[in-house]
Amino acid sequence: MPEVLNSDEILVDGQVVNLIHVGQGDVEGSTIVVAGHKSVGAADLSENLAASQRYLRDFTTLAKKGGTVEDLVHSMLELHGERDQPHTLWISARAEVARRARTAAIGQLRRTD
C-alpha cells in the first residue's frame, strides 16, 4: 500500500530530493500530444494519436479472433508493418494468449463444479 507523504522531501539513495507539485498534467490545459504507438522520430501530432488508437483497436480486434501468439503478431504486422519496437508487440501477444488460456481454464473449472 502506498504511503502518504508528510513533507515535500524524500530520501533517494541517501540524497534528499525536493518534490515539486505539478498537478495532474493530463487534465490541466495540456497542449502536448504524445502518441505512444508510433515510429521513433515521428512527430507527436494528432494524426499519430489517431494512428495509435487504431493500432490498439486493431490489436484488440485481432486478439478476440483467437489463435496463437504468432498468429496475432503476424496479423498485426500485416496491418501495420514493422514497428520500431517489435518486442513490445510480442510481449503483448504472449500476455493476451496467456490471459485467454487462463480465462478458458477458469471457465472449464466452473463447468466441472
PDB file of N, CA and C in Angstrom:
ATOM      1  N   MET A   1       0.848  -1.171   0.000  1.00  0.00           N
ATOM      2  CA  MET A   1       0.000   0.000   0.000  1.00  0.00           C
ATOM      3  C   MET A   1       0.897   1.239   0.000  1.00  0.00           C
ATOM      4  N   PRO A   2       0.650   2.179  -0.892  1.00  0.00           N
ATOM      5  CA  PRO A   2       1.452   3.412  -0.911  1.00  0.00           C
ATOM      6  C   PRO A   2       1.282   4.192   0.386  1.00  0.00           C
ATOM      7  N   GLU A   3       2.329   4.901   0.745  1.00  0.00           N
ATOM      8  CA  GLU A   3       2.278   5.721   1.956  1.00  0.00           C
ATOM      9  C   GLU A   3       2.040   7.179   1.589  1.00  0.00           C
ATOM     10  N   VAL A   4       1.280   7.874   2.427  1.00  0.00           N
ATOM     11  CA  VAL A   4       1.051   9.302   2.239  1.00  0.00           C
ATOM     12  C   VAL A   4       2.322  10.038   2.626  1.00  0.00           C
ATOM     13  N   LEU A   5       2.737  10.977   1.794  1.00  0.00           N
ATOM     14  CA  LEU A   5       3.924  11.776   2.108  1.00  0.00           C
ATOM     15  C   LEU A   5       3.536  12.899   3.058  1.00  0.00           C
ATOM     16  N   ASN A   6       4.354  13.099   4.088  1.00  0.00           N
ATOM     17  CA  ASN A   6       4.083  14.150   5.061  1.00  0.00           C
ATOM     18  C   ASN A   6       4.928  15.388   4.833  1.00  0.00           C
ATOM     19  N   SER A   7       5.771  15.368   3.810  1.00  0.00           N
ATOM     20  CA  SER A   7       6.602  16.538   3.526  1.00  0.00           C
ATOM     21  C   SER A   7       6.872  16.598   2.026  1.00  0.00           C
ATOM     22  N   ASP A   8       7.581  17.631   1.607  1.00  0.00           N
ATOM     23  CA  ASP A   8       7.943  17.796   0.199  1.00  0.00           C
ATOM     24  C   ASP A   8       9.336  17.262  -0.086  1.00  0.00           C
ATOM     25  N   GLU A   9       9.843  16.415   0.802  1.00  0.00           N
ATOM     26  CA  GLU A   9      11.173  15.836   0.616  1.00  0.00           C
ATOM     27  C   GLU A   9      11.101  14.328   0.780  1.00  0.00           C
ATOM     28  N   ILE A  10      11.876  13.626  -0.054  1.00  0.00           N
ATOM     29  CA  ILE A  10      12.046  12.187   0.115  1.00  0.00           C
ATOM     30  C   ILE A  10      13.533  11.881   0.018  1.00  0.00           C
ATOM     31  N   LEU A  11      13.915  10.749   0.556  1.00  0.00           N
ATOM     32  CA  LEU A  11      15.310  10.325   0.519  1.00  0.00           C
ATOM     33  C   LEU A  11      15.472   9.281  -0.586  1.00  0.00           C
ATOM     34  N   VAL A  12      16.370   9.528  -1.536  1.00  0.00           N
ATOM     35  CA  VAL A  12      16.656   8.594  -2.620  1.00  0.00           C
ATOM     36  C   VAL A  12      18.152   8.334  -2.627  1.00  0.00           C
ATOM     37  N   ASP A  13      18.534   7.085  -2.396  1.00  0.00           N
ATOM     38  CA  ASP A  13      19.949   6.713  -2.349  1.00  0.00           C
ATOM     39  C   ASP A  13      20.743   7.620  -1.421  1.00  0.00           C
ATOM     40  N   GLY A  14      20.148   7.945  -0.280  1.00  0.00           N
ATOM     41  CA  GLY A  14      20.839   8.759   0.712  1.00  0.00           C
ATOM     42  C   GLY A  14      20.841  10.249   0.430  1.00  0.00           C
ATOM     43  N   GLN A  15      20.212  10.674  -0.651  1.00  0.00           N
ATOM     44  CA  GLN A  15      20.163  12.093  -1.011  1.00  0.00           C
ATOM     45  C   GLN A  15      18.738  12.617  -0.855  1.00  0.00           C
ATOM     46  N   VAL A  16      18.619  13.852  -0.363  1.00  0.00           N
ATOM     47  CA  VAL A  16      17.309  14.483  -0.236  1.00  0.00           C
ATOM     48  C   VAL A  16      16.858  14.980  -1.609  1.00  0.00           C
ATOM     49  N   VAL A  17      15.638  14.615  -1.981  1.00  0.00           N
ATOM     50  CA  VAL A  17      15.040  15.076  -3.231  1.00  0.00           C
ATOM     51  C   VAL A  17      13.824  15.915  -2.872  1.00  0.00           C
ATOM     52  N   ASN A  18      13.779  17.147  -3.382  1.00  0.00           N
ATOM     53  CA  ASN A  18      12.643  18.035  -3.139  1.00  0.00           C
ATOM     54  C   ASN A  18      11.579  17.781  -4.199  1.00  0.00           C
ATOM     55  N   LEU A  19      10.375  17.517  -3.751  1.00  0.00           N
ATOM     56  CA  LEU A  19       9.272  17.246  -4.661  1.00  0.00           C
ATOM     57  C   LEU A  19       8.648  18.544  -5.139  1.00  0.00           C
ATOM     58  N   ILE A  20       8.228  18.562  -6.379  1.00  0.00           N
ATOM     59  CA  ILE A  20       7.585  19.734  -6.967  1.00  0.00           C
ATOM     60  C   ILE A  20       6.158  19.339  -7.336  1.00  0.00           C
ATOM     61  N   HIS A  21       5.191  20.094  -6.871  1.00  0.00           N
ATOM     62  CA  HIS A  21       3.788  19.824  -7.184  1.00  0.00           C
ATOM     63  C   HIS A  21       3.467  20.380  -8.565  1.00  0.00           C
ATOM     64  N   VAL A  22       3.005  19.513  -9.467  1.00  0.00           N
ATOM     65  CA  VAL A  22       2.690  19.952 -10.829  1.00  0.00           C
ATOM     66  C   VAL A  22       1.226  19.718 -11.197  1.00  0.00           C
ATOM     67  N   GLY A  23       0.463  19.164 -10.307  1.00  0.00           N
ATOM     68  CA  GLY A  23      -0.926  18.876 -10.640  1.00  0.00           C
ATOM     69  C   GLY A  23      -1.012  17.669 -11.551  1.00  0.00           C
ATOM     70  N   GLN A  24      -2.212  17.394 -12.014  1.00  0.00           N
ATOM     71  CA  GLN A  24      -2.408  16.268 -12.923  1.00  0.00           C
ATOM     72  C   GLN A  24      -2.307  16.790 -14.339  1.00  0.00           C
ATOM     73  N   GLY A  25      -1.178  16.544 -14.974  1.00  0.00           N
ATOM     74  CA  GLY A  25      -0.854  17.139 -16.261  1.00  0.00           C
ATOM     75  C   GLY A  25      -1.778  16.808 -17.404  1.00  0.00           C
ATOM     76  N   ASP A  26      -2.470  15.677 -17.341  1.00  0.00           N
ATOM     77  CA  ASP A  26      -3.296  15.308 -18.487  1.00  0.00           C
ATOM     78  C   ASP A  26      -4.659  15.986 -18.513  1.00  0.00           C
ATOM     79  N   VAL A  27      -4.974  16.785 -17.492  1.00  0.00           N
ATOM     80  CA  VAL A  27      -6.283  17.441 -17.481  1.00  0.00           C
ATOM     81  C   VAL A  27      -6.205  18.947 -17.264  1.00  0.00           C
ATOM     82  N   GLU A  28      -5.041  19.466 -17.009  1.00  0.00           N
ATOM     83  CA  GLU A  28      -4.922  20.885 -16.686  1.00  0.00           C
ATOM     84  C   GLU A  28      -4.408  21.693 -17.869  1.00  0.00           C
ATOM     85  N   GLY A  29      -5.207  21.768 -18.934  1.00  0.00           N
ATOM     86  CA  GLY A  29      -4.870  22.625 -20.069  1.00  0.00           C
ATOM     87  C   GLY A  29      -3.667  22.189 -20.877  1.00  0.00           C
ATOM     88  N   SER A  30      -3.416  20.909 -20.948  1.00  0.00           N
ATOM     89  CA  SER A  30      -2.265  20.422 -21.701  1.00  0.00           C
ATOM     90  C   SER A  30      -2.408  20.746 -23.184  1.00  0.00           C
ATOM     91  N   THR A  31      -1.300  21.099 -23.807  1.00  0.00           N
ATOM     92  CA  THR A  31      -1.284  21.357 -25.249  1.00  0.00           C
ATOM     93  C   THR A  31      -0.361  20.381 -25.962  1.00  0.00           C
ATOM     94  N   ILE A  32       0.082  19.353 -25.261  1.00  0.00           N
ATOM     95  CA  ILE A  32       1.026  18.389 -25.817  1.00  0.00           C
ATOM     96  C   ILE A  32       0.315  17.060 -26.043  1.00  0.00           C
ATOM     97  N   VAL A  33       0.545  16.468 -27.189  1.00  0.00           N
ATOM     98  CA  VAL A  33       0.018  15.148 -27.504  1.00  0.00           C
ATOM     99  C   VAL A  33       1.211  14.227 -27.699  1.00  0.00           C
ATOM    100  N   VAL A  34       1.229  13.105 -26.990  1.00  0.00           N
ATOM    101  CA  VAL A  34       2.296  12.121 -27.165  1.00  0.00           C
ATOM    102  C   VAL A  34       1.641  10.817 -27.606  1.00  0.00           C
ATOM    103  N   ALA A  35       1.920  10.422 -28.814  1.00  0.00           N
ATOM    104  CA  ALA A  35       1.374   9.181 -29.361  1.00  0.00           C
ATOM    105  C   ALA A  35       2.337   8.053 -29.028  1.00  0.00           C
ATOM    106  N   GLY A  36       1.892   7.099 -28.239  1.00  0.00           N
ATOM    107  CA  GLY A  36       2.786   6.067 -27.748  1.00  0.00           C
ATOM    108  C   GLY A  36       3.106   4.947 -28.718  1.00  0.00           C
ATOM    109  N   HIS A  37       2.249   4.694 -29.681  1.00  0.00           N
ATOM    110  CA  HIS A  37       2.462   3.576 -30.598  1.00  0.00           C
ATOM    111  C   HIS A  37       2.795   4.112 -31.985  1.00  0.00           C
ATOM    112  N   LYS A  38       3.874   4.856 -32.051  1.00  0.00           N
ATOM    113  CA  LYS A  38       4.295   5.463 -33.316  1.00  0.00           C
ATOM    114  C   LYS A  38       5.744   5.100 -33.570  1.00  0.00           C
ATOM    115  N   SER A  39       6.213   5.411 -34.742  1.00  0.00           N
ATOM    116  CA  SER A  39       7.612   5.159 -35.065  1.00  0.00           C
ATOM    117  C   SER A  39       8.497   6.158 -34.337  1.00  0.00           C
ATOM    118  N   VAL A  40       9.667   5.704 -33.938  1.00  0.00           N
ATOM    119  CA  VAL A  40      10.628   6.588 -33.292  1.00  0.00           C
ATOM    120  C   VAL A  40      10.942   7.730 -34.247  1.00  0.00           C
ATOM    121  N   GLY A  41      10.915   8.936 -33.735  1.00  0.00           N
ATOM    122  CA  GLY A  41      11.215  10.105 -34.543  1.00  0.00           C
ATOM    123  C   GLY A  41      10.000  10.744 -35.183  1.00  0.00           C
ATOM    124  N   ALA A  42       8.865  10.037 -35.194  1.00  0.00           N
ATOM    125  CA  ALA A  42       7.646  10.629 -35.753  1.00  0.00           C
ATOM    126  C   ALA A  42       7.162  11.728 -34.815  1.00  0.00           C
ATOM    127  N   ALA A  43       6.624  12.777 -35.401  1.00  0.00           N
ATOM    128  CA  ALA A  43       6.148  13.915 -34.612  1.00  0.00           C
ATOM    129  C   ALA A  43       4.947  13.512 -33.759  1.00  0.00           C
ATOM    130  N   ASP A  44       4.797  14.166 -32.619  1.00  0.00           N
ATOM    131  CA  ASP A  44       3.648  13.938 -31.751  1.00  0.00           C
ATOM    132  C   ASP A  44       2.493  14.818 -32.214  1.00  0.00           C
ATOM    133  N   LEU A  45       1.855  14.401 -33.276  1.00  0.00           N
ATOM    134  CA  LEU A  45       0.732  15.131 -33.853  1.00  0.00           C
ATOM    135  C   LEU A  45      -0.559  14.356 -33.612  1.00  0.00           C
ATOM    136  N   SER A  46      -1.674  15.043 -33.746  1.00  0.00           N
ATOM    137  CA  SER A  46      -2.957  14.385 -33.504  1.00  0.00           C
ATOM    138  C   SER A  46      -3.166  13.199 -34.452  1.00  0.00           C
ATOM    139  N   GLU A  47      -2.629  13.273 -35.677  1.00  0.00           N
ATOM    140  CA  GLU A  47      -2.758  12.136 -36.602  1.00  0.00           C
ATOM    141  C   GLU A  47      -2.080  10.894 -36.031  1.00  0.00           C
ATOM    142  N   ASN A  48      -0.945  11.099 -35.369  1.00  0.00           N
ATOM    143  CA  ASN A  48      -0.237   9.963 -34.785  1.00  0.00           C
ATOM    144  C   ASN A  48      -0.984   9.410 -33.581  1.00  0.00           C
ATOM    145  N   LEU A  49      -1.677  10.283 -32.859  1.00  0.00           N
ATOM    146  CA  LEU A  49      -2.502   9.816 -31.753  1.00  0.00           C
ATOM    147  C   LEU A  49      -3.632   8.942 -32.300  1.00  0.00           C
ATOM    148  N   ALA A  50      -4.250   9.380 -33.389  1.00  0.00           N
ATOM    149  CA  ALA A  50      -5.312   8.587 -34.024  1.00  0.00           C
ATOM    150  C   ALA A  50      -4.753   7.255 -34.520  1.00  0.00           C
ATOM    151  N   ALA A  51      -3.555   7.263 -35.062  1.00  0.00           N
ATOM    152  CA  ALA A  51      -2.921   6.023 -35.532  1.00  0.00           C
ATOM    153  C   ALA A  51      -2.634   5.092 -34.355  1.00  0.00           C
ATOM    154  N   SER A  52      -2.234   5.654 -33.217  1.00  0.00           N
ATOM    155  CA  SER A  52      -2.007   4.851 -32.013  1.00  0.00           C
ATOM    156  C   SER A  52      -3.299   4.196 -31.560  1.00  0.00           C
ATOM    157  N   GLN A  53      -4.380   4.962 -31.575  1.00  0.00           N
ATOM    158  CA  GLN A  53      -5.679   4.414 -31.185  1.00  0.00           C
ATOM    159  C   GLN A  53      -6.096   3.294 -32.134  1.00  0.00           C
ATOM    160  N   ARG A  54      -5.873   3.495 -33.431  1.00  0.00           N
ATOM    161  CA  ARG A  54      -6.205   2.480 -34.433  1.00  0.00           C
ATOM    162  C   ARG A  54      -5.381   1.209 -34.190  1.00  0.00           C
ATOM    163  N   TYR A  55      -4.094   1.370 -33.879  1.00  0.00           N
ATOM    164  CA  TYR A  55      -3.209   0.237 -33.607  1.00  0.00           C
ATOM    165  C   TYR A  55      -3.754  -0.585 -32.434  1.00  0.00           C
ATOM    166  N   LEU A  56      -4.145   0.100 -31.362  1.00  0.00           N
ATOM    167  CA  LEU A  56      -4.664  -0.595 -30.185  1.00  0.00           C
ATOM    168  C   LEU A  56      -6.010  -1.260 -30.474  1.00  0.00           C
ATOM    169  N   ARG A  57      -6.875  -0.581 -31.221  1.00  0.00           N
ATOM    170  CA  ARG A  57      -8.164  -1.185 -31.600  1.00  0.00           C
ATOM    171  C   ARG A  57      -7.937  -2.426 -32.468  1.00  0.00           C
ATOM    172  N   ASP A  58      -7.012  -2.335 -33.404  1.00  0.00           N
ATOM    173  CA  ASP A  58      -6.710  -3.480 -34.267  1.00  0.00           C
ATOM    174  C   ASP A  58      -6.189  -4.655 -33.449  1.00  0.00           C
ATOM    175  N   PHE A  59      -5.329  -4.381 -32.484  1.00  0.00           N
ATOM    176  CA  PHE A  59      -4.805  -5.450 -31.632  1.00  0.00           C
ATOM    177  C   PHE A  59      -5.961  -6.134 -30.902  1.00  0.00           C
ATOM    178  N   THR A  60      -6.856  -5.337 -30.331  1.00  0.00           N
ATOM    179  CA  THR A  60      -7.993  -5.889 -29.593  1.00  0.00           C
ATOM    180  C   THR A  60      -8.880  -6.730 -30.507  1.00  0.00           C
ATOM    181  N   THR A  61      -9.160  -6.222 -31.691  1.00  0.00           N
ATOM    182  CA  THR A  61     -10.000  -6.947 -32.652  1.00  0.00           C
ATOM    183  C   THR A  61      -9.363  -8.281 -33.039  1.00  0.00           C
ATOM    184  N   LEU A  62      -8.084  -8.250 -33.359  1.00  0.00           N
ATOM    185  CA  LEU A  62      -7.389  -9.480 -33.753  1.00  0.00           C
ATOM    186  C   LEU A  62      -7.267 -10.449 -32.583  1.00  0.00           C
ATOM    187  N   ALA A  63      -7.041  -9.929 -31.387  1.00  0.00           N
ATOM    188  CA  ALA A  63      -6.908 -10.786 -30.206  1.00  0.00           C
ATOM    189  C   ALA A  63      -8.204 -11.545 -29.943  1.00  0.00           C
ATOM    190  N   LYS A  64      -9.339 -10.903 -30.200  1.00  0.00           N
ATOM    191  CA  LYS A  64     -10.638 -11.551 -29.973  1.00  0.00           C
ATOM    192  C   LYS A  64     -10.880 -12.712 -30.932  1.00  0.00           C
ATOM    193  N   LYS A  65     -10.170 -12.733 -32.055  1.00  0.00           N
ATOM    194  CA  LYS A  65     -10.333 -13.815 -33.030  1.00  0.00           C
ATOM    195  C   LYS A  65      -9.671 -15.105 -32.566  1.00  0.00           C
ATOM    196  N   GLY A  66      -8.822 -15.021 -31.545  1.00  0.00           N
ATOM    197  CA  GLY A  66      -8.138 -16.208 -31.058  1.00  0.00           C
ATOM    198  C   GLY A  66      -6.856 -16.457 -31.828  1.00  0.00           C
ATOM    199  N   GLY A  67      -6.380 -17.690 -31.765  1.00  0.00           N
ATOM    200  CA  GLY A  67      -5.149 -18.033 -32.461  1.00  0.00           C
ATOM    201  C   GLY A  67      -3.946 -17.997 -31.540  1.00  0.00           C
ATOM    202  N   THR A  68      -2.802 -18.234 -32.137  1.00  0.00           N
ATOM    203  CA  THR A  68      -1.552 -18.312 -31.386  1.00  0.00           C
ATOM    204  C   THR A  68      -0.906 -16.936 -31.258  1.00  0.00           C
ATOM    205  N   VAL A  69       0.154 -16.892 -30.473  1.00  0.00           N
ATOM    206  CA  VAL A  69       0.960 -15.673 -30.356  1.00  0.00           C
ATOM    207  C   VAL A  69       1.442 -15.257 -31.740  1.00  0.00           C
ATOM    208  N   GLU A  70       1.944 -16.222 -32.487  1.00  0.00           N
ATOM    209  CA  GLU A  70       2.474 -15.942 -33.824  1.00  0.00           C
ATOM    210  C   GLU A  70       1.390 -15.412 -34.752  1.00  0.00           C
ATOM    211  N   ASP A  71       0.179 -15.991 -34.662  1.00  0.00           N
ATOM    212  CA  ASP A  71      -0.939 -15.514 -35.489  1.00  0.00           C
ATOM    213  C   ASP A  71      -1.222 -14.041 -35.215  1.00  0.00           C
ATOM    214  N   LEU A  72      -1.271 -13.688 -33.950  1.00  0.00           N
ATOM    215  CA  LEU A  72      -1.588 -12.316 -33.561  1.00  0.00           C
ATOM    216  C   LEU A  72      -0.501 -11.352 -34.023  1.00  0.00           C
ATOM    217  N   VAL A  73       0.749 -11.711 -33.795  1.00  0.00           N
ATOM    218  CA  VAL A  73       1.858 -10.843 -34.208  1.00  0.00           C
ATOM    219  C   VAL A  73       1.869 -10.677 -35.727  1.00  0.00           C
ATOM    220  N   HIS A  74       1.760 -11.766 -36.455  1.00  0.00           N
ATOM    221  CA  HIS A  74       1.816 -11.681 -37.921  1.00  0.00           C
ATOM    222  C   HIS A  74       0.635 -10.892 -38.487  1.00  0.00           C
ATOM    223  N   SER A  75      -0.538 -11.044 -37.886  1.00  0.00           N
ATOM    224  CA  SER A  75      -1.699 -10.268 -38.336  1.00  0.00           C
ATOM    225  C   SER A  75      -1.486  -8.775 -38.098  1.00  0.00           C
ATOM    226  N   MET A  76      -0.908  -8.426 -36.953  1.00  0.00           N
ATOM    227  CA  MET A  76      -0.618  -7.011 -36.668  1.00  0.00           C
ATOM    228  C   MET A  76       0.433  -6.477 -37.633  1.00  0.00           C
ATOM    229  N   LEU A  77       1.438  -7.281 -37.927  1.00  0.00           N
ATOM    230  CA  LEU A  77       2.474  -6.839 -38.864  1.00  0.00           C
ATOM    231  C   LEU A  77       1.907  -6.660 -40.272  1.00  0.00           C
ATOM    232  N   GLU A  78       0.941  -7.488 -40.642  1.00  0.00           N
ATOM    233  CA  GLU A  78       0.296  -7.317 -41.947  1.00  0.00           C
ATOM    234  C   GLU A  78      -0.433  -5.979 -42.023  1.00  0.00           C
ATOM    235  N   LEU A  79      -1.084  -5.598 -40.922  1.00  0.00           N
ATOM    236  CA  LEU A  79      -1.841  -4.342 -40.906  1.00  0.00           C
ATOM    237  C   LEU A  79      -0.958  -3.111 -40.748  1.00  0.00           C
ATOM    238  N   HIS A  80       0.086  -3.232 -39.918  1.00  0.00           N
ATOM    239  CA  HIS A  80       0.843  -2.045 -39.524  1.00  0.00           C
ATOM    240  C   HIS A  80       2.317  -2.079 -39.907  1.00  0.00           C
ATOM    241  N   GLY A  81       2.771  -3.151 -40.520  1.00  0.00           N
ATOM    242  CA  GLY A  81       4.173  -3.223 -40.917  1.00  0.00           C
ATOM    243  C   GLY A  81       5.104  -3.367 -39.730  1.00  0.00           C
ATOM    244  N   GLU A  82       6.381  -3.385 -40.018  1.00  0.00           N
ATOM    245  CA  GLU A  82       7.390  -3.487 -38.964  1.00  0.00           C
ATOM    246  C   GLU A  82       7.336  -2.255 -38.079  1.00  0.00           C
ATOM    247  N   ARG A  83       7.459  -2.459 -36.805  1.00  0.00           N
ATOM    248  CA  ARG A  83       7.454  -1.367 -35.837  1.00  0.00           C
ATOM    249  C   ARG A  83       8.866  -1.197 -35.296  1.00  0.00           C
ATOM    250  N   ASP A  84       9.085  -0.051 -34.658  1.00  0.00           N
ATOM    251  CA  ASP A  84      10.403   0.212 -34.089  1.00  0.00           C
ATOM    252  C   ASP A  84      10.723  -0.706 -32.917  1.00  0.00           C
ATOM    253  N   GLN A  85       9.690  -1.143 -32.213  1.00  0.00           N
ATOM    254  CA  GLN A  85       9.905  -1.985 -31.040  1.00  0.00           C
ATOM    255  C   GLN A  85       9.042  -3.242 -31.141  1.00  0.00           C
ATOM    256  N   PRO A  86       9.388  -4.159 -32.041  1.00  0.00           N
ATOM    257  CA  PRO A  86       8.548  -5.344 -32.234  1.00  0.00           C
ATOM    258  C   PRO A  86       8.458  -6.217 -30.989  1.00  0.00           C
ATOM    259  N   HIS A  87       9.445  -6.122 -30.102  1.00  0.00           N
ATOM    260  CA  HIS A  87       9.385  -6.944 -28.886  1.00  0.00           C
ATOM    261  C   HIS A  87       8.167  -6.585 -28.041  1.00  0.00           C
ATOM    262  N   THR A  88       7.722  -5.334 -28.087  1.00  0.00           N
ATOM    263  CA  THR A  88       6.540  -4.926 -27.332  1.00  0.00           C
ATOM    264  C   THR A  88       5.303  -5.638 -27.865  1.00  0.00           C
ATOM    265  N   LEU A  89       5.198  -5.761 -29.171  1.00  0.00           N
ATOM    266  CA  LEU A  89       4.082  -6.492 -29.772  1.00  0.00           C
ATOM    267  C   LEU A  89       4.129  -7.958 -29.360  1.00  0.00           C
ATOM    268  N   TRP A  90       5.309  -8.557 -29.401  1.00  0.00           N
ATOM    269  CA  TRP A  90       5.438  -9.963 -28.997  1.00  0.00           C
ATOM    270  C   TRP A  90       5.049 -10.153 -27.530  1.00  0.00           C
ATOM    271  N   ILE A  91       5.487  -9.255 -26.661  1.00  0.00           N
ATOM    272  CA  ILE A  91       5.148  -9.347 -25.234  1.00  0.00           C
ATOM    273  C   ILE A  91       3.638  -9.239 -25.050  1.00  0.00           C
ATOM    274  N   SER A  92       3.024  -8.285 -25.740  1.00  0.00           N
ATOM    275  CA  SER A  92       1.575  -8.093 -25.629  1.00  0.00           C
ATOM    276  C   SER A  92       0.816  -9.307 -26.153  1.00  0.00           C
ATOM    277  N   ALA A  93       1.277  -9.864 -27.256  1.00  0.00           N
ATOM    278  CA  ALA A  93       0.620 -11.046 -27.823  1.00  0.00           C
ATOM    279  C   ALA A  93       0.739 -12.236 -26.869  1.00  0.00           C
ATOM    280  N   ARG A  94       1.912 -12.421 -26.281  1.00  0.00           N
ATOM    281  CA  ARG A  94       2.088 -13.519 -25.315  1.00  0.00           C
ATOM    282  C   ARG A  94       1.165 -13.335 -24.116  1.00  0.00           C
ATOM    283  N   ALA A  95       1.078 -12.107 -23.624  1.00  0.00           N
ATOM    284  CA  ALA A  95       0.219 -11.820 -22.473  1.00  0.00           C
ATOM    285  C   ALA A  95      -1.245 -12.079 -22.818  1.00  0.00           C
ATOM    286  N   GLU A  96      -1.661 -11.697 -24.011  1.00  0.00           N
ATOM    287  CA  GLU A  96      -3.053 -11.906 -24.432  1.00  0.00           C
ATOM    288  C   GLU A  96      -3.377 -13.388 -24.554  1.00  0.00           C
ATOM    289  N   VAL A  97      -2.508 -14.153 -25.173  1.00  0.00           N
ATOM    290  CA  VAL A  97      -2.757 -15.587 -25.332  1.00  0.00           C
ATOM    291  C   VAL A  97      -2.760 -16.273 -23.962  1.00  0.00           C
ATOM    292  N   ALA A  98      -1.880 -15.864 -23.067  1.00  0.00           N
ATOM    293  CA  ALA A  98      -1.863 -16.421 -21.708  1.00  0.00           C
ATOM    294  C   ALA A  98      -3.145 -16.051 -20.963  1.00  0.00           C
ATOM    295  N   ARG A  99      -3.604 -14.803 -21.133  1.00  0.00           N
ATOM    296  CA  ARG A  99      -4.841 -14.362 -20.482  1.00  0.00           C
ATOM    297  C   ARG A  99      -6.016 -15.200 -20.984  1.00  0.00           C
ATOM    298  N   ARG A 100      -6.039 -15.420 -22.283  1.00  0.00           N
ATOM    299  CA  ARG A 100      -7.099 -16.216 -22.890  1.00  0.00           C
ATOM    300  C   ARG A 100      -7.091 -17.644 -22.335  1.00  0.00           C
ATOM    301  N   ALA A 101      -5.905 -18.221 -22.189  1.00  0.00           N
ATOM    302  CA  ALA A 101      -5.780 -19.584 -21.657  1.00  0.00           C
ATOM    303  C   ALA A 101      -6.264 -19.647 -20.209  1.00  0.00           C
ATOM    304  N   ARG A 102      -5.895 -18.630 -19.414  1.00  0.00           N
ATOM    305  CA  ARG A 102      -6.359 -18.594 -18.014  1.00  0.00           C
ATOM    306  C   ARG A 102      -7.881 -18.498 -17.954  1.00  0.00           C
ATOM    307  N   THR A 103      -8.444 -17.633 -18.779  1.00  0.00           N
ATOM    308  CA  THR A 103      -9.893 -17.454 -18.802  1.00  0.00           C
ATOM    309  C   THR A 103     -10.589 -18.754 -19.193  1.00  0.00           C
ATOM    310  N   ALA A 104     -10.052 -19.451 -20.184  1.00  0.00           N
ATOM    311  CA  ALA A 104     -10.627 -20.727 -20.616  1.00  0.00           C
ATOM    312  C   ALA A 104     -10.526 -21.765 -19.503  1.00  0.00           C
ATOM    313  N   ALA A 105      -9.392 -21.800 -18.814  1.00  0.00           N
ATOM    314  CA  ALA A 105      -9.200 -22.768 -17.727  1.00  0.00           C
ATOM    315  C   ALA A 105     -10.182 -22.502 -16.591  1.00  0.00           C
ATOM    316  N   ILE A 106     -10.380 -21.234 -16.264  1.00  0.00           N
ATOM    317  CA  ILE A 106     -11.329 -20.882 -15.200  1.00  0.00           C
ATOM    318  C   ILE A 106     -12.740 -21.281 -15.618  1.00  0.00           C
ATOM    319  N   GLY A 107     -13.081 -21.022 -16.872  1.00  0.00           N
ATOM    320  CA  GLY A 107     -14.391 -21.421 -17.380  1.00  0.00           C
ATOM    321  C   GLY A 107     -14.587 -22.924 -17.311  1.00  0.00           C
ATOM    322  N   GLN A 108     -13.547 -23.666 -17.637  1.00  0.00           N
ATOM    323  CA  GLN A 108     -13.603 -25.130 -17.580  1.00  0.00           C
ATOM    324  C   GLN A 108     -13.802 -25.604 -16.146  1.00  0.00           C
ATOM    325  N   LEU A 109     -13.093 -24.987 -15.204  1.00  0.00           N
ATOM    326  CA  LEU A 109     -13.243 -25.353 -13.792  1.00  0.00           C
ATOM    327  C   LEU A 109     -14.660 -25.085 -13.311  1.00  0.00           C
ATOM    328  N   ARG A 110     -15.227 -23.980 -13.720  1.00  0.00           N
ATOM    329  CA  ARG A 110     -16.591 -23.636 -13.293  1.00  0.00           C
ATOM    330  C   ARG A 110     -17.608 -24.625 -13.858  1.00  0.00           C
ATOM    331  N   ARG A 111     -17.363 -25.117 -15.062  1.00  0.00           N
ATOM    332  CA  ARG A 111     -18.293 -26.074 -15.668  1.00  0.00           C
ATOM    333  C   ARG A 111     -18.214 -27.444 -14.992  1.00  0.00           C
ATOM    334  N   THR A 112     -17.070 -27.766 -14.389  1.00  0.00           N
ATOM    335  CA  THR A 112     -16.915 -29.075 -13.752  1.00  0.00           C
ATOM    336  C   THR A 112     -17.344 -29.064 -12.293  1.00  0.00           C
ATOM    337  N   ASP A 113     -17.608 -27.882 -11.746  1.00  0.00           N
ATOM    338  CA  ASP A 113     -18.047 -27.802 -10.330  1.00  0.00           C
ATOM    339  C   ASP A 113     -19.489 -28.183 -10.170  1.00  0.00           C
TER     340      ASP A 113
END
